[in-house]
């Protein structure tokens, strides 16, 4: 098997209305190399739909059944020259960058890094703010995980389809990743993290918004009874 293959499809959703506007996003700047390595790319441009709905469209398309699909946010810079090889060789059906091996449903706020003790964190992510780049190492960088952060979710489509596993469209953006991971656990679909170099240009501050608080309550109702 080659290191890089059209078996890998990179998928992103963006609010950018034009190609020119999308070209300002960190993801675009990192795609040229991966195009050259034979990966395909699909963009939901000027997107107003929930991520779960968009992602499920890709998973349910029969032509993607034998692919690995990487769902990634447009503020993520793919900076790993071995990305294709790592995804093709991943031991997990669902591969992420960072997450946790446990999830406490009794937590008040149900973000993955709040609902697990520090010793259960896994993975690492690099960040960029004001031109400064640093890496946060949460824990072991090759590990099974119960939950992973949704900024980077690579899926072996056949494994998901065979287990009737899709994203919960009740969660358009906030908690689409946690609901997906908990559903995967229920269906015994493996999830884990690998040391894949990306640079996230966001700081994950959406927890400060009313929309996140509303979704937090909705998630509790659905998953924490």
N, C-alpha and C. Protein backbone atom coordinates (compact mmCIF):
# COMPACT_ATOMS: atom_id res chain seq x y z
N UNK A 1 0.86 -1.21 0.00
CA UNK A 1 0.00 0.00 0.00
C UNK A 1 0.88 1.24 0.00
N UNK A 2 0.55 2.18 -0.84
CA UNK A 2 1.33 3.41 -0.90
C UNK A 2 1.06 4.27 0.33
N UNK A 3 2.01 5.12 0.64
CA UNK A 3 1.86 6.01 1.79
C UNK A 3 0.70 6.98 1.58
N UNK A 4 0.54 7.45 0.37
CA UNK A 4 -0.49 8.43 0.09
C UNK A 4 -1.41 7.88 -0.99
N UNK A 5 -2.70 8.11 -0.86
CA UNK A 5 -3.64 7.45 -1.74
C UNK A 5 -4.91 8.27 -1.87
N UNK A 6 -5.59 8.11 -3.03
CA UNK A 6 -6.88 8.75 -3.19
C UNK A 6 -7.93 8.08 -2.32
N UNK A 7 -7.54 7.03 -1.61
CA UNK A 7 -8.44 6.44 -0.61
C UNK A 7 -8.71 7.43 0.52
N UNK A 8 -7.92 8.48 0.60
CA UNK A 8 -8.09 9.47 1.66
C UNK A 8 -8.79 10.71 1.10
N UNK A 9 -9.89 11.07 1.74
CA UNK A 9 -10.66 12.24 1.35
C UNK A 9 -10.68 13.23 2.50
N UNK A 10 -10.19 14.42 2.29
CA UNK A 10 -10.22 15.48 3.29
C UNK A 10 -11.49 16.30 3.08
N UNK A 11 -12.26 16.49 4.14
CA UNK A 11 -13.54 17.20 4.05
C UNK A 11 -13.56 18.34 5.06
N UNK A 12 -14.00 19.50 4.62
CA UNK A 12 -14.11 20.66 5.51
C UNK A 12 -15.38 21.44 5.20
N UNK A 13 -15.89 22.09 6.20
CA UNK A 13 -16.99 23.03 6.05
C UNK A 13 -16.45 24.43 6.35
N UNK A 14 -16.89 25.40 5.59
CA UNK A 14 -16.40 26.76 5.81
C UNK A 14 -17.52 27.77 5.58
N UNK A 15 -17.46 28.85 6.31
CA UNK A 15 -18.39 29.95 6.07
C UNK A 15 -17.92 30.86 4.94
N UNK A 16 -16.70 30.61 4.46
CA UNK A 16 -16.17 31.42 3.35
C UNK A 16 -17.10 31.30 2.14
N UNK A 17 -17.44 32.42 1.56
CA UNK A 17 -18.41 32.43 0.46
C UNK A 17 -17.76 32.23 -0.90
N UNK A 18 -16.46 32.49 -1.01
CA UNK A 18 -15.77 32.39 -2.30
C UNK A 18 -14.46 31.64 -2.13
N UNK A 19 -13.91 31.16 -3.24
CA UNK A 19 -12.61 30.51 -3.19
C UNK A 19 -11.56 31.46 -2.66
N UNK A 20 -11.63 32.71 -3.06
CA UNK A 20 -10.65 33.69 -2.60
C UNK A 20 -10.70 33.87 -1.09
N UNK A 21 -11.90 33.89 -0.54
CA UNK A 21 -12.03 34.02 0.91
C UNK A 21 -11.52 32.77 1.62
N UNK A 22 -11.81 31.59 1.06
CA UNK A 22 -11.33 30.34 1.67
C UNK A 22 -9.81 30.27 1.66
N UNK A 23 -9.19 30.88 0.65
CA UNK A 23 -7.73 30.84 0.55
C UNK A 23 -7.04 31.56 1.70
N UNK A 24 -7.80 32.33 2.49
CA UNK A 24 -7.22 32.99 3.66
C UNK A 24 -7.25 32.09 4.89
N UNK A 25 -7.91 30.96 4.81
CA UNK A 25 -8.05 30.09 5.96
C UNK A 25 -6.82 29.19 6.10
N UNK A 26 -6.42 28.87 7.33
CA UNK A 26 -5.21 28.05 7.53
C UNK A 26 -5.25 26.71 6.80
N UNK A 27 -6.43 26.06 6.72
CA UNK A 27 -6.50 24.77 6.06
C UNK A 27 -6.05 24.86 4.60
N UNK A 28 -6.49 25.89 3.90
CA UNK A 28 -6.16 26.02 2.49
C UNK A 28 -4.65 26.06 2.29
N UNK A 29 -3.97 26.77 3.15
CA UNK A 29 -2.53 26.94 2.98
C UNK A 29 -1.77 25.62 3.10
N UNK A 30 -2.38 24.63 3.74
CA UNK A 30 -1.69 23.35 3.93
C UNK A 30 -2.14 22.28 2.96
N UNK A 31 -3.12 22.58 2.09
CA UNK A 31 -3.68 21.54 1.23
C UNK A 31 -2.83 21.23 0.02
N UNK A 32 -2.08 22.19 -0.48
CA UNK A 32 -1.35 21.99 -1.73
C UNK A 32 -0.47 20.74 -1.66
N UNK A 33 0.25 20.58 -0.57
CA UNK A 33 1.14 19.42 -0.45
C UNK A 33 0.34 18.12 -0.51
N UNK A 34 -0.80 18.09 0.19
CA UNK A 34 -1.57 16.86 0.26
C UNK A 34 -2.29 16.56 -1.04
N UNK A 35 -2.67 17.60 -1.78
CA UNK A 35 -3.17 17.38 -3.14
C UNK A 35 -2.11 16.66 -3.97
N UNK A 36 -0.88 17.14 -3.87
CA UNK A 36 0.21 16.58 -4.67
C UNK A 36 0.48 15.12 -4.30
N UNK A 37 0.10 14.74 -3.08
CA UNK A 37 0.30 13.36 -2.64
C UNK A 37 -0.90 12.47 -2.99
N UNK A 38 -1.83 13.01 -3.75
CA UNK A 38 -2.91 12.18 -4.26
C UNK A 38 -4.17 12.15 -3.42
N UNK A 39 -4.25 12.94 -2.38
CA UNK A 39 -5.47 12.97 -1.58
C UNK A 39 -6.53 13.83 -2.26
N UNK A 40 -7.78 13.46 -2.04
CA UNK A 40 -8.88 14.25 -2.57
C UNK A 40 -9.36 15.23 -1.49
N UNK A 41 -10.08 16.26 -1.94
CA UNK A 41 -10.59 17.27 -1.01
C UNK A 41 -11.98 17.67 -1.42
N UNK A 42 -12.88 17.78 -0.43
CA UNK A 42 -14.24 18.25 -0.67
C UNK A 42 -14.55 19.35 0.33
N UNK A 43 -15.08 20.48 -0.20
CA UNK A 43 -15.37 21.63 0.64
C UNK A 43 -16.85 21.98 0.58
N UNK A 44 -17.46 22.09 1.76
CA UNK A 44 -18.79 22.66 1.87
C UNK A 44 -18.61 24.17 2.01
N UNK A 45 -18.70 24.88 0.90
CA UNK A 45 -18.42 26.32 0.89
C UNK A 45 -19.68 27.11 1.24
N UNK A 46 -19.50 28.27 1.88
CA UNK A 46 -20.62 29.11 2.30
C UNK A 46 -21.63 28.28 3.07
N UNK A 47 -21.11 27.48 3.98
CA UNK A 47 -21.94 26.47 4.65
C UNK A 47 -22.80 27.07 5.76
N UNK A 48 -24.07 26.72 5.72
CA UNK A 48 -25.00 27.15 6.75
C UNK A 48 -25.66 25.96 7.44
N UNK A 49 -25.28 24.77 7.04
CA UNK A 49 -25.83 23.56 7.65
C UNK A 49 -24.98 23.13 8.84
N UNK A 50 -25.53 22.27 9.67
CA UNK A 50 -24.76 21.73 10.79
C UNK A 50 -23.67 20.79 10.28
N UNK A 51 -22.58 20.73 11.03
CA UNK A 51 -21.47 19.84 10.63
C UNK A 51 -21.93 18.39 10.54
N UNK A 52 -22.77 17.96 11.48
CA UNK A 52 -23.23 16.57 11.48
C UNK A 52 -23.95 16.23 10.19
N UNK A 53 -24.81 17.12 9.73
CA UNK A 53 -25.54 16.88 8.49
C UNK A 53 -24.59 16.80 7.30
N UNK A 54 -23.64 17.70 7.23
CA UNK A 54 -22.67 17.69 6.14
C UNK A 54 -21.83 16.42 6.17
N UNK A 55 -21.33 16.09 7.33
CA UNK A 55 -20.47 14.92 7.45
C UNK A 55 -21.23 13.64 7.09
N UNK A 56 -22.48 13.53 7.52
CA UNK A 56 -23.26 12.34 7.19
C UNK A 56 -23.50 12.22 5.70
N UNK A 57 -23.62 13.34 5.00
CA UNK A 57 -23.75 13.30 3.54
C UNK A 57 -22.57 12.58 2.92
N UNK A 58 -21.38 12.86 3.44
CA UNK A 58 -20.17 12.21 2.93
C UNK A 58 -20.15 10.73 3.30
N UNK A 59 -20.49 10.40 4.54
CA UNK A 59 -20.44 9.01 5.00
C UNK A 59 -21.45 8.13 4.27
N UNK A 60 -22.57 8.71 3.87
CA UNK A 60 -23.64 7.93 3.23
C UNK A 60 -23.50 7.85 1.71
N UNK A 61 -22.50 8.50 1.16
CA UNK A 61 -22.26 8.44 -0.28
C UNK A 61 -21.55 7.12 -0.59
N UNK A 62 -22.18 6.23 -1.36
CA UNK A 62 -21.59 4.90 -1.61
C UNK A 62 -20.18 4.93 -2.17
N UNK A 63 -19.83 5.97 -2.90
CA UNK A 63 -18.49 5.99 -3.51
C UNK A 63 -17.39 6.19 -2.48
N UNK A 64 -17.77 6.54 -1.24
CA UNK A 64 -16.76 6.75 -0.20
C UNK A 64 -16.60 5.54 0.72
N UNK A 65 -17.27 4.45 0.45
CA UNK A 65 -17.32 3.33 1.39
C UNK A 65 -15.94 2.77 1.72
N UNK A 66 -15.03 2.78 0.77
CA UNK A 66 -13.70 2.21 1.03
C UNK A 66 -12.65 3.28 1.35
N UNK A 67 -13.10 4.48 1.62
CA UNK A 67 -12.17 5.57 1.89
C UNK A 67 -11.95 5.79 3.39
N UNK A 68 -10.87 6.47 3.69
CA UNK A 68 -10.69 7.12 4.98
C UNK A 68 -11.04 8.59 4.77
N UNK A 69 -12.00 9.08 5.52
CA UNK A 69 -12.42 10.46 5.38
C UNK A 69 -11.94 11.25 6.59
N UNK A 70 -11.21 12.31 6.33
CA UNK A 70 -10.73 13.20 7.38
C UNK A 70 -11.62 14.43 7.43
N UNK A 71 -12.40 14.55 8.50
CA UNK A 71 -13.21 15.74 8.73
C UNK A 71 -12.37 16.71 9.56
N UNK A 72 -12.13 17.89 9.03
CA UNK A 72 -11.21 18.81 9.70
C UNK A 72 -11.76 20.23 9.61
N UNK A 73 -11.53 21.03 10.64
CA UNK A 73 -11.98 22.42 10.66
C UNK A 73 -11.09 23.27 9.77
N UNK A 74 -11.64 24.38 9.27
CA UNK A 74 -10.87 25.20 8.33
C UNK A 74 -9.85 26.09 9.02
N UNK A 75 -9.82 26.09 10.37
CA UNK A 75 -8.78 26.84 11.08
C UNK A 75 -7.65 25.92 11.53
N UNK A 76 -7.55 24.76 10.89
CA UNK A 76 -6.51 23.78 11.19
C UNK A 76 -5.53 23.71 10.02
N UNK A 77 -4.26 23.78 10.32
CA UNK A 77 -3.20 23.66 9.32
C UNK A 77 -2.61 22.26 9.41
N UNK A 78 -2.73 21.48 8.34
CA UNK A 78 -2.19 20.13 8.30
C UNK A 78 -0.68 20.23 8.03
N UNK A 79 0.12 19.84 9.02
CA UNK A 79 1.56 20.13 8.95
C UNK A 79 2.40 18.85 9.06
N UNK A 80 1.79 17.71 8.72
CA UNK A 80 2.48 16.42 8.88
C UNK A 80 2.70 15.80 7.51
N UNK A 81 3.97 15.66 7.11
CA UNK A 81 4.26 15.10 5.79
C UNK A 81 3.92 13.62 5.73
N UNK A 82 3.73 12.98 6.88
CA UNK A 82 3.38 11.57 6.93
C UNK A 82 1.90 11.36 7.23
N UNK A 83 1.08 12.38 7.00
CA UNK A 83 -0.34 12.30 7.31
C UNK A 83 -1.00 11.08 6.66
N UNK A 84 -0.78 10.90 5.36
CA UNK A 84 -1.41 9.79 4.66
C UNK A 84 -1.02 8.44 5.23
N UNK A 85 0.25 8.25 5.45
CA UNK A 85 0.72 6.96 5.99
C UNK A 85 0.12 6.70 7.36
N UNK A 86 0.08 7.71 8.20
CA UNK A 86 -0.45 7.52 9.55
C UNK A 86 -1.93 7.17 9.54
N UNK A 87 -2.70 7.81 8.66
CA UNK A 87 -4.12 7.50 8.60
C UNK A 87 -4.36 6.11 8.03
N UNK A 88 -3.62 5.75 6.98
CA UNK A 88 -3.78 4.43 6.38
C UNK A 88 -3.39 3.32 7.35
N UNK A 89 -2.39 3.58 8.19
CA UNK A 89 -1.90 2.56 9.13
C UNK A 89 -2.56 2.64 10.50
N UNK A 90 -3.48 3.55 10.70
CA UNK A 90 -4.09 3.72 12.02
C UNK A 90 -4.79 2.44 12.47
N UNK A 91 -4.58 2.04 13.73
CA UNK A 91 -5.26 0.85 14.26
C UNK A 91 -6.71 1.12 14.67
N UNK A 92 -7.14 2.38 14.55
CA UNK A 92 -8.47 2.76 15.02
C UNK A 92 -9.41 3.02 13.85
N UNK A 93 -10.68 2.76 14.08
CA UNK A 93 -11.70 3.11 13.08
C UNK A 93 -11.91 4.61 13.02
N UNK A 94 -11.75 5.27 14.17
CA UNK A 94 -11.87 6.73 14.27
C UNK A 94 -10.59 7.26 14.89
N UNK A 95 -9.91 8.15 14.19
CA UNK A 95 -8.62 8.65 14.66
C UNK A 95 -8.69 10.16 14.88
N UNK A 96 -8.22 10.58 16.05
CA UNK A 96 -8.18 12.00 16.37
C UNK A 96 -6.80 12.41 16.85
N UNK A 97 -6.74 13.61 17.39
CA UNK A 97 -5.47 14.16 17.87
C UNK A 97 -5.38 14.18 19.38
N UNK A 98 -6.49 14.53 20.04
CA UNK A 98 -6.49 14.68 21.49
C UNK A 98 -7.87 14.34 22.04
N UNK A 99 -7.88 13.84 23.26
CA UNK A 99 -9.15 13.47 23.88
C UNK A 99 -8.91 12.88 25.26
N UNK A 100 -9.80 12.00 25.65
CA UNK A 100 -9.70 11.43 26.99
C UNK A 100 -10.18 9.99 26.98
N UNK A 101 -9.71 9.22 27.95
CA UNK A 101 -10.08 7.81 28.06
C UNK A 101 -11.31 7.60 28.93
N UNK A 102 -11.84 8.66 29.51
CA UNK A 102 -13.04 8.54 30.35
C UNK A 102 -13.91 9.76 30.13
N UNK A 103 -15.16 9.67 30.61
CA UNK A 103 -16.09 10.78 30.46
C UNK A 103 -17.08 10.75 31.61
N UNK A 104 -17.03 11.79 32.43
CA UNK A 104 -17.89 11.87 33.60
C UNK A 104 -19.17 12.62 33.25
N UNK A 105 -20.26 11.87 33.10
CA UNK A 105 -21.53 12.47 32.68
C UNK A 105 -22.13 13.37 33.75
N UNK A 106 -21.59 13.31 34.96
CA UNK A 106 -22.12 14.15 36.04
C UNK A 106 -21.51 15.54 36.07
N UNK A 107 -20.53 15.79 35.19
CA UNK A 107 -19.90 17.11 35.16
C UNK A 107 -20.92 18.19 34.80
N UNK A 108 -20.69 19.38 35.34
CA UNK A 108 -21.59 20.49 35.01
C UNK A 108 -21.42 20.91 33.56
N UNK A 109 -20.18 21.13 33.15
CA UNK A 109 -19.86 21.44 31.76
C UNK A 109 -19.22 20.20 31.15
N UNK A 110 -19.72 19.81 29.97
CA UNK A 110 -19.39 18.48 29.45
C UNK A 110 -18.39 18.50 28.30
N UNK A 111 -17.50 19.46 28.27
CA UNK A 111 -16.38 19.41 27.33
C UNK A 111 -15.49 18.24 27.71
N UNK A 112 -14.81 17.65 26.71
CA UNK A 112 -14.05 16.43 26.99
C UNK A 112 -12.96 16.66 28.03
N UNK A 113 -12.33 17.84 28.02
CA UNK A 113 -11.21 18.09 28.92
C UNK A 113 -11.67 18.50 30.32
N UNK A 114 -12.96 18.74 30.48
CA UNK A 114 -13.50 19.04 31.80
C UNK A 114 -14.13 17.80 32.42
N UNK A 115 -14.63 16.92 31.57
CA UNK A 115 -15.36 15.75 32.04
C UNK A 115 -14.49 14.52 32.22
N UNK A 116 -13.18 14.73 32.34
CA UNK A 116 -12.25 13.63 32.57
C UNK A 116 -11.11 14.13 33.45
N UNK A 117 -10.55 13.28 34.30
CA UNK A 117 -9.39 13.70 35.11
C UNK A 117 -8.16 13.85 34.23
N UNK A 118 -7.25 14.68 34.67
CA UNK A 118 -6.05 14.99 33.89
C UNK A 118 -5.28 13.74 33.50
N UNK A 119 -5.25 12.74 34.36
CA UNK A 119 -4.48 11.53 34.08
C UNK A 119 -5.10 10.69 32.95
N UNK A 120 -6.32 11.01 32.56
CA UNK A 120 -6.96 10.28 31.47
C UNK A 120 -6.84 10.99 30.12
N UNK A 121 -6.19 12.15 30.10
CA UNK A 121 -6.00 12.86 28.83
C UNK A 121 -5.03 12.09 27.93
N UNK A 122 -5.28 12.18 26.60
CA UNK A 122 -4.37 11.57 25.63
C UNK A 122 -4.19 12.52 24.45
N UNK A 123 -3.04 12.37 23.78
CA UNK A 123 -2.81 13.11 22.55
C UNK A 123 -2.12 14.45 22.70
N UNK A 124 -2.00 15.15 21.59
CA UNK A 124 -1.35 16.46 21.57
C UNK A 124 -1.87 17.28 20.39
N UNK A 125 -1.81 18.60 20.54
CA UNK A 125 -2.22 19.52 19.48
C UNK A 125 -1.31 20.74 19.54
N UNK A 126 -0.84 21.20 18.39
CA UNK A 126 -0.09 22.45 18.33
C UNK A 126 -1.07 23.61 18.09
N UNK A 127 -0.73 24.77 18.62
CA UNK A 127 -1.59 25.95 18.52
C UNK A 127 -0.81 27.12 17.96
N UNK A 128 -1.53 28.03 17.31
CA UNK A 128 -0.92 29.26 16.80
C UNK A 128 -1.77 30.43 17.26
N UNK A 129 -1.13 31.37 17.92
CA UNK A 129 -1.81 32.60 18.32
C UNK A 129 -0.84 33.75 18.16
N UNK A 130 -1.24 34.74 17.37
CA UNK A 130 -0.39 35.92 17.11
C UNK A 130 0.98 35.54 16.59
N UNK A 131 1.00 34.50 15.75
CA UNK A 131 2.24 34.09 15.12
C UNK A 131 3.13 33.22 15.97
N UNK A 132 2.74 32.94 17.20
CA UNK A 132 3.52 32.07 18.09
C UNK A 132 2.90 30.68 18.09
N UNK A 133 3.74 29.65 17.91
CA UNK A 133 3.28 28.28 17.85
C UNK A 133 3.82 27.50 19.03
N UNK A 134 2.96 26.76 19.70
CA UNK A 134 3.38 25.90 20.79
C UNK A 134 2.55 24.63 20.76
N UNK A 135 3.04 23.57 21.38
CA UNK A 135 2.36 22.29 21.38
C UNK A 135 1.90 21.95 22.79
N UNK A 136 0.63 21.60 22.92
CA UNK A 136 0.10 21.11 24.18
C UNK A 136 0.08 19.59 24.14
N UNK A 137 0.86 18.97 25.01
CA UNK A 137 0.87 17.51 25.12
C UNK A 137 -0.05 17.14 26.27
N UNK A 138 -1.17 16.52 25.94
CA UNK A 138 -2.15 16.16 26.96
C UNK A 138 -1.80 14.85 27.67
N UNK A 139 -1.23 13.91 26.92
CA UNK A 139 -0.91 12.60 27.48
C UNK A 139 -0.31 11.72 26.41
N UNK A 140 -0.38 10.40 26.58
CA UNK A 140 0.17 9.49 25.58
C UNK A 140 -0.36 9.83 24.18
N UNK A 141 0.53 9.83 23.19
CA UNK A 141 0.14 10.32 21.86
C UNK A 141 -0.28 9.19 20.92
N UNK A 142 -0.22 7.96 21.35
CA UNK A 142 -0.82 6.84 20.63
C UNK A 142 -1.60 6.03 21.64
N UNK A 143 -2.91 6.19 21.60
CA UNK A 143 -3.72 5.61 22.68
C UNK A 143 -5.17 5.45 22.25
N UNK A 144 -5.83 4.43 22.78
CA UNK A 144 -7.28 4.37 22.67
C UNK A 144 -7.87 5.55 23.43
N UNK A 145 -9.04 5.98 22.99
CA UNK A 145 -9.71 7.10 23.64
C UNK A 145 -11.21 6.85 23.63
N UNK A 146 -11.89 7.38 24.62
CA UNK A 146 -13.35 7.35 24.63
C UNK A 146 -13.89 8.55 23.86
N UNK A 147 -13.27 9.71 24.06
CA UNK A 147 -13.70 10.93 23.38
C UNK A 147 -12.51 11.59 22.70
N UNK A 148 -12.78 12.25 21.57
CA UNK A 148 -11.73 13.03 20.90
C UNK A 148 -12.31 14.39 20.50
N UNK A 149 -11.43 15.36 20.36
CA UNK A 149 -11.83 16.70 19.94
C UNK A 149 -12.19 16.69 18.46
N UNK A 150 -13.26 17.39 18.10
CA UNK A 150 -13.77 17.35 16.75
C UNK A 150 -13.02 18.17 15.72
N UNK A 151 -11.95 18.87 16.09
CA UNK A 151 -11.24 19.66 15.10
C UNK A 151 -10.60 18.79 14.02
N UNK A 152 -10.40 17.49 14.32
CA UNK A 152 -9.75 16.55 13.40
C UNK A 152 -10.31 15.16 13.71
N UNK A 153 -11.14 14.63 12.81
CA UNK A 153 -11.74 13.30 13.03
C UNK A 153 -11.60 12.51 11.73
N UNK A 154 -10.74 11.51 11.73
CA UNK A 154 -10.54 10.67 10.55
C UNK A 154 -11.29 9.35 10.74
N UNK A 155 -12.09 8.98 9.75
CA UNK A 155 -12.97 7.82 9.88
C UNK A 155 -12.74 6.82 8.76
N UNK A 156 -12.66 5.54 9.11
CA UNK A 156 -12.70 4.46 8.12
C UNK A 156 -14.18 4.22 7.83
N UNK A 157 -14.62 4.69 6.69
CA UNK A 157 -16.05 4.77 6.41
C UNK A 157 -16.72 3.41 6.51
N UNK A 158 -16.12 2.38 5.98
CA UNK A 158 -16.75 1.06 6.00
C UNK A 158 -17.03 0.60 7.42
N UNK A 159 -16.10 0.84 8.33
CA UNK A 159 -16.30 0.44 9.74
C UNK A 159 -17.51 1.14 10.34
N UNK A 160 -17.70 2.41 9.98
CA UNK A 160 -18.84 3.16 10.50
C UNK A 160 -20.15 2.66 9.90
N UNK A 161 -20.17 2.51 8.58
CA UNK A 161 -21.40 2.10 7.90
C UNK A 161 -21.84 0.71 8.35
N UNK A 162 -20.88 -0.19 8.50
CA UNK A 162 -21.23 -1.55 8.91
C UNK A 162 -21.82 -1.60 10.31
N UNK A 163 -21.53 -0.58 11.12
CA UNK A 163 -22.07 -0.51 12.47
C UNK A 163 -23.17 0.54 12.62
N UNK A 164 -23.66 1.04 11.48
CA UNK A 164 -24.74 2.04 11.47
C UNK A 164 -24.39 3.22 12.38
N UNK A 165 -23.15 3.69 12.26
CA UNK A 165 -22.67 4.79 13.08
C UNK A 165 -22.55 6.05 12.22
N UNK A 166 -23.30 7.06 12.62
CA UNK A 166 -23.25 8.35 11.93
C UNK A 166 -23.26 9.46 12.98
N UNK A 167 -23.05 10.68 12.55
CA UNK A 167 -23.09 11.83 13.45
C UNK A 167 -24.54 12.12 13.82
N UNK A 168 -24.76 12.50 15.06
CA UNK A 168 -26.09 12.83 15.57
C UNK A 168 -26.47 14.23 15.09
N UNK A 169 -27.42 14.32 14.18
CA UNK A 169 -27.75 15.61 13.58
C UNK A 169 -28.53 16.52 14.50
N UNK A 170 -28.82 16.06 15.72
CA UNK A 170 -29.40 16.95 16.73
C UNK A 170 -28.38 17.97 17.20
N UNK A 171 -27.09 17.69 16.93
CA UNK A 171 -26.01 18.57 17.36
C UNK A 171 -25.30 19.10 16.12
N UNK A 172 -25.60 20.36 15.80
CA UNK A 172 -25.11 20.96 14.56
C UNK A 172 -23.63 21.28 14.62
N UNK A 173 -23.17 21.81 15.75
CA UNK A 173 -21.76 22.14 15.90
C UNK A 173 -21.25 21.73 17.27
N UNK A 174 -21.69 22.39 18.31
CA UNK A 174 -21.24 22.01 19.65
C UNK A 174 -21.76 20.61 19.99
N UNK A 175 -20.85 19.78 20.49
CA UNK A 175 -21.16 18.42 20.97
C UNK A 175 -21.41 17.41 19.85
N UNK A 176 -21.22 17.80 18.60
CA UNK A 176 -21.33 16.79 17.54
C UNK A 176 -20.22 15.75 17.69
N UNK A 177 -19.06 16.17 18.19
CA UNK A 177 -17.94 15.24 18.35
C UNK A 177 -18.14 14.30 19.53
N UNK A 178 -18.57 14.84 20.67
CA UNK A 178 -18.76 13.99 21.85
C UNK A 178 -19.90 13.00 21.65
N UNK A 179 -21.00 13.44 21.07
CA UNK A 179 -22.10 12.51 20.82
C UNK A 179 -21.65 11.40 19.87
N UNK A 180 -20.87 11.75 18.86
CA UNK A 180 -20.35 10.76 17.91
C UNK A 180 -19.46 9.74 18.62
N UNK A 181 -18.59 10.22 19.49
CA UNK A 181 -17.68 9.31 20.19
C UNK A 181 -18.43 8.39 21.16
N UNK A 182 -19.40 8.92 21.89
CA UNK A 182 -20.15 8.08 22.81
C UNK A 182 -20.99 7.06 22.05
N UNK A 183 -21.55 7.45 20.92
CA UNK A 183 -22.28 6.50 20.09
C UNK A 183 -21.34 5.42 19.55
N UNK A 184 -20.12 5.81 19.18
CA UNK A 184 -19.14 4.84 18.70
C UNK A 184 -18.80 3.83 19.79
N UNK A 185 -18.65 4.31 21.01
CA UNK A 185 -18.35 3.42 22.12
C UNK A 185 -19.47 2.41 22.33
N UNK A 186 -20.72 2.88 22.25
CA UNK A 186 -21.87 1.99 22.40
C UNK A 186 -21.88 0.90 21.33
N UNK A 187 -21.43 1.25 20.14
CA UNK A 187 -21.44 0.31 19.02
C UNK A 187 -20.12 -0.44 18.89
N UNK A 188 -19.22 -0.22 19.86
CA UNK A 188 -17.93 -0.90 19.90
C UNK A 188 -17.07 -0.62 18.65
N UNK A 189 -17.13 0.61 18.19
CA UNK A 189 -16.27 1.07 17.10
C UNK A 189 -15.06 1.77 17.73
N UNK A 190 -13.87 1.34 17.40
CA UNK A 190 -12.67 1.81 18.09
C UNK A 190 -12.35 3.26 17.76
N UNK A 191 -11.86 3.96 18.77
CA UNK A 191 -11.52 5.37 18.67
C UNK A 191 -10.19 5.59 19.38
N UNK A 192 -9.32 6.40 18.80
CA UNK A 192 -8.04 6.65 19.44
C UNK A 192 -7.34 7.85 18.84
N UNK A 193 -6.19 8.17 19.42
CA UNK A 193 -5.39 9.31 18.96
C UNK A 193 -4.03 8.83 18.47
N UNK A 194 -3.48 9.60 17.54
CA UNK A 194 -2.14 9.36 17.03
C UNK A 194 -1.35 10.68 17.04
N UNK A 195 -0.02 10.59 17.06
CA UNK A 195 0.80 11.82 17.02
C UNK A 195 0.88 12.36 15.60
N UNK A 196 -0.12 13.14 15.22
CA UNK A 196 -0.19 13.75 13.89
C UNK A 196 -0.01 15.25 14.06
N UNK A 197 0.92 15.80 13.34
CA UNK A 197 1.26 17.22 13.49
C UNK A 197 0.26 18.10 12.74
N UNK A 198 -0.51 18.85 13.50
CA UNK A 198 -1.34 19.91 12.92
C UNK A 198 -1.14 21.14 13.79
N UNK A 199 -1.52 22.29 13.24
CA UNK A 199 -1.48 23.53 14.02
C UNK A 199 -2.88 24.12 14.01
N UNK A 200 -3.47 24.23 15.19
CA UNK A 200 -4.81 24.78 15.32
C UNK A 200 -4.71 26.28 15.53
N UNK A 201 -5.38 27.04 14.68
CA UNK A 201 -5.32 28.50 14.77
C UNK A 201 -6.46 29.07 15.61
N UNK A 202 -7.25 28.20 16.23
CA UNK A 202 -8.28 28.65 17.16
C UNK A 202 -7.89 28.26 18.57
N UNK A 203 -8.53 28.89 19.54
CA UNK A 203 -8.18 28.62 20.93
C UNK A 203 -9.30 27.92 21.69
N UNK A 204 -10.31 27.43 20.98
CA UNK A 204 -11.36 26.67 21.62
C UNK A 204 -12.15 27.45 22.65
N UNK A 205 -12.43 28.72 22.37
CA UNK A 205 -13.11 29.56 23.35
C UNK A 205 -14.63 29.61 23.14
N UNK A 206 -15.16 28.66 22.36
CA UNK A 206 -16.60 28.66 22.11
C UNK A 206 -17.41 28.31 23.35
N UNK A 207 -16.75 27.77 24.37
CA UNK A 207 -17.45 27.44 25.61
C UNK A 207 -17.98 28.69 26.32
N UNK A 208 -17.52 29.84 25.91
CA UNK A 208 -17.94 31.09 26.55
C UNK A 208 -19.22 31.65 25.93
N UNK A 209 -19.78 30.97 24.94
CA UNK A 209 -20.92 31.51 24.22
C UNK A 209 -22.24 30.94 24.74
N UNK A 210 -23.33 31.68 24.58
CA UNK A 210 -24.66 31.17 24.96
C UNK A 210 -25.04 29.93 24.15
N UNK A 211 -24.59 29.85 22.89
CA UNK A 211 -24.90 28.70 22.06
C UNK A 211 -24.31 27.42 22.64
N UNK A 212 -23.09 27.55 23.18
CA UNK A 212 -22.46 26.37 23.78
C UNK A 212 -23.23 25.94 25.03
N UNK A 213 -23.63 26.89 25.85
CA UNK A 213 -24.37 26.58 27.08
C UNK A 213 -25.69 25.89 26.73
N UNK A 214 -26.36 26.36 25.71
CA UNK A 214 -27.61 25.74 25.28
C UNK A 214 -27.39 24.30 24.82
N UNK A 215 -26.32 24.11 24.05
CA UNK A 215 -26.01 22.76 23.57
C UNK A 215 -25.59 21.86 24.71
N UNK A 216 -24.92 22.40 25.71
CA UNK A 216 -24.52 21.63 26.88
C UNK A 216 -25.74 21.03 27.58
N UNK A 217 -26.78 21.84 27.76
CA UNK A 217 -28.01 21.36 28.39
C UNK A 217 -28.69 20.30 27.51
N UNK A 218 -28.71 20.54 26.23
CA UNK A 218 -29.33 19.59 25.29
C UNK A 218 -28.60 18.26 25.31
N UNK A 219 -27.26 18.32 25.37
CA UNK A 219 -26.45 17.10 25.41
C UNK A 219 -26.71 16.31 26.69
N UNK A 220 -26.82 17.02 27.82
CA UNK A 220 -27.13 16.35 29.08
C UNK A 220 -28.43 15.58 29.00
N UNK A 221 -29.44 16.21 28.40
CA UNK A 221 -30.74 15.56 28.25
C UNK A 221 -30.64 14.30 27.41
N UNK A 222 -29.83 14.33 26.39
CA UNK A 222 -29.75 13.21 25.45
C UNK A 222 -28.84 12.09 25.91
N UNK A 223 -27.73 12.43 26.63
CA UNK A 223 -26.70 11.43 26.89
C UNK A 223 -26.37 11.18 28.36
N UNK A 224 -26.91 11.97 29.25
CA UNK A 224 -26.42 11.90 30.64
C UNK A 224 -27.51 11.55 31.65
N UNK A 225 -28.57 10.94 31.22
CA UNK A 225 -29.61 10.52 32.16
C UNK A 225 -29.21 9.22 32.84
